[in-house]
Amino acid sequence: MSRSDGHRIADILSAADELGLVVERGRSAFDSDPILRRAAERLLEIIGEAATLLGEDTTSRYADVPWSDIAGLRVVLAHHYHRVDPDQVWVIATAHIPDLVAALQDHQA
């Protein structure tokens, strides 16, 4: 059974909420705890996978969201794990994901 785009958007928002719990512990905790870094990476993978599976109607409705960048990040995290830069993960988690959440929530309101 295929999930609807509405469910996938909900998955993105849920993973973003969980990612917020990871980053609220602070940068020093993130830097010193490999489990927090891996959790952040996994949540970004989930966001990327859900984004990749969205239909064209949905992605065009959210035209301000950089869907190809989100999908590309998922590929790097899943397949090129040796190239993952924790500094980039932190920036994405703390700056870009809140923007994504805002964009998705703006359209749902």
Protein backbone atom coordinates (compact mmCIF):
# COMPACT_ATOMS: atom_id res chain seq x y z
CA MET A 1 0.00 0.00 0.00
CA SER A 2 1.45 3.32 -1.07
CA ARG A 3 1.51 6.25 1.30
CA SER A 4 -0.15 9.48 0.23
CA ASP A 5 1.76 12.72 -0.21
CA GLY A 6 -0.06 14.02 2.85
CA HIS A 7 1.40 11.17 4.89
CA ARG A 8 4.85 11.85 3.45
CA ILE A 9 4.62 15.54 4.37
CA ALA A 10 3.59 14.42 7.87
CA ASP A 11 6.64 12.11 7.94
CA ILE A 12 8.88 15.05 7.00
CA LEU A 13 7.38 17.23 9.74
CA SER A 14 7.63 14.43 12.32
CA ALA A 15 11.30 13.75 11.50
CA ALA A 16 11.97 17.50 11.64
CA ASP A 17 10.39 17.64 15.12
CA GLU A 18 12.61 14.77 16.27
CA LEU A 19 15.63 16.47 14.72
CA GLY A 20 14.75 19.54 16.76
CA LEU A 21 15.07 17.41 19.90
CA VAL A 22 18.55 16.36 18.80
CA VAL A 23 19.81 19.88 18.10
CA GLU A 24 18.22 21.43 21.18
CA ARG A 25 20.87 19.57 23.19
CA GLY A 26 23.39 22.00 21.72
CA ARG A 27 26.38 21.95 19.47
CA SER A 28 28.85 20.66 22.04
CA ALA A 29 26.63 17.64 22.79
CA PHE A 30 26.26 17.02 19.05
CA ASP A 31 30.02 17.21 18.54
CA SER A 32 30.85 14.93 21.45
CA ASP A 33 28.14 12.29 21.00
CA PRO A 34 28.32 10.11 17.87
CA ILE A 35 24.85 8.75 18.59
CA LEU A 36 23.35 12.25 18.31
CA ARG A 37 25.19 12.80 15.03
CA ARG A 38 23.92 9.49 13.65
CA ALA A 39 20.40 10.29 14.83
CA ALA A 40 20.54 13.61 12.99
CA GLU A 41 21.83 11.90 9.86
CA ARG A 42 19.09 9.25 9.99
CA LEU A 43 16.36 11.83 10.47
CA LEU A 44 17.70 13.80 7.51
CA GLU A 45 17.64 10.54 5.49
CA ILE A 46 13.99 10.05 6.41
CA ILE A 47 13.19 13.60 5.34
CA GLY A 48 15.04 13.03 2.08
CA GLU A 49 13.35 9.72 1.36
CA ALA A 50 9.89 11.12 2.01
CA ALA A 51 10.70 14.13 -0.18
CA THR A 52 11.95 11.89 -2.99
CA LEU A 53 8.66 9.99 -3.06
CA LEU A 54 6.41 13.07 -3.27
CA GLY A 55 4.44 13.49 -6.47
CA GLU A 56 5.04 16.32 -8.90
CA ASP A 57 1.74 18.00 -7.99
CA THR A 58 2.87 18.27 -4.39
CA THR A 59 6.42 19.42 -5.10
CA SER A 60 5.16 22.09 -7.49
CA ARG A 61 2.73 23.32 -4.82
CA TYR A 62 5.78 23.87 -2.60
CA ALA A 63 7.92 25.40 -5.34
CA ASP A 64 10.00 27.36 -2.83
CA VAL A 65 11.35 24.14 -1.29
CA PRO A 66 14.66 22.87 -2.75
CA TRP A 67 13.42 19.30 -3.29
CA SER A 68 16.39 18.22 -5.42
CA ASP A 69 18.83 19.36 -2.72
CA ILE A 70 16.89 17.42 -0.09
CA ALA A 71 16.90 14.30 -2.27
CA GLY A 72 20.61 14.74 -2.99
CA LEU A 73 21.40 14.96 0.71
CA ARG A 74 19.62 11.66 1.28
CA VAL A 75 21.82 10.03 -1.35
CA VAL A 76 24.99 11.34 0.29
CA LEU A 77 23.87 10.26 3.77
CA ALA A 78 22.83 6.80 2.65
CA HIS A 79 25.47 5.96 0.07
CA HIS A 80 28.44 8.23 0.66
CA TYR A 81 28.45 8.12 4.45
CA HIS A 82 32.24 8.48 4.49
CA ARG A 83 31.87 11.98 3.02
CA VAL A 84 29.36 13.28 5.57
CA ASP A 85 30.56 16.49 7.20
CA PRO A 86 29.18 16.93 10.74
CA ASP A 87 29.44 20.71 10.39
CA GLN A 88 27.18 20.57 7.32
CA VAL A 89 24.74 18.27 9.11
CA TRP A 90 24.54 20.76 11.97
CA VAL A 91 23.91 23.71 9.63
CA ILE A 92 21.26 21.81 7.72
CA ALA A 93 19.58 20.65 10.94
CA THR A 94 19.60 24.04 12.62
CA ALA A 95 19.10 26.44 9.70
CA HIS A 96 17.60 24.68 6.70
CA ILE A 97 15.20 22.24 8.33
CA PRO A 98 13.37 24.98 10.28
CA ASP A 99 12.96 26.80 6.95
CA LEU A 100 11.57 23.62 5.38
CA VAL A 101 9.11 23.19 8.24
CA ALA A 102 7.99 26.81 7.91
CA ALA A 103 7.45 26.43 4.16
CA LEU A 104 5.42 23.25 4.59
CA GLN A 105 3.33 24.68 7.42
CA ASP A 106 2.68 27.93 5.52
CA HIS A 107 1.08 25.94 2.72
CA GLN A 108 -0.99 23.81 5.07
CA ALA A 109 -2.50 26.77 6.89
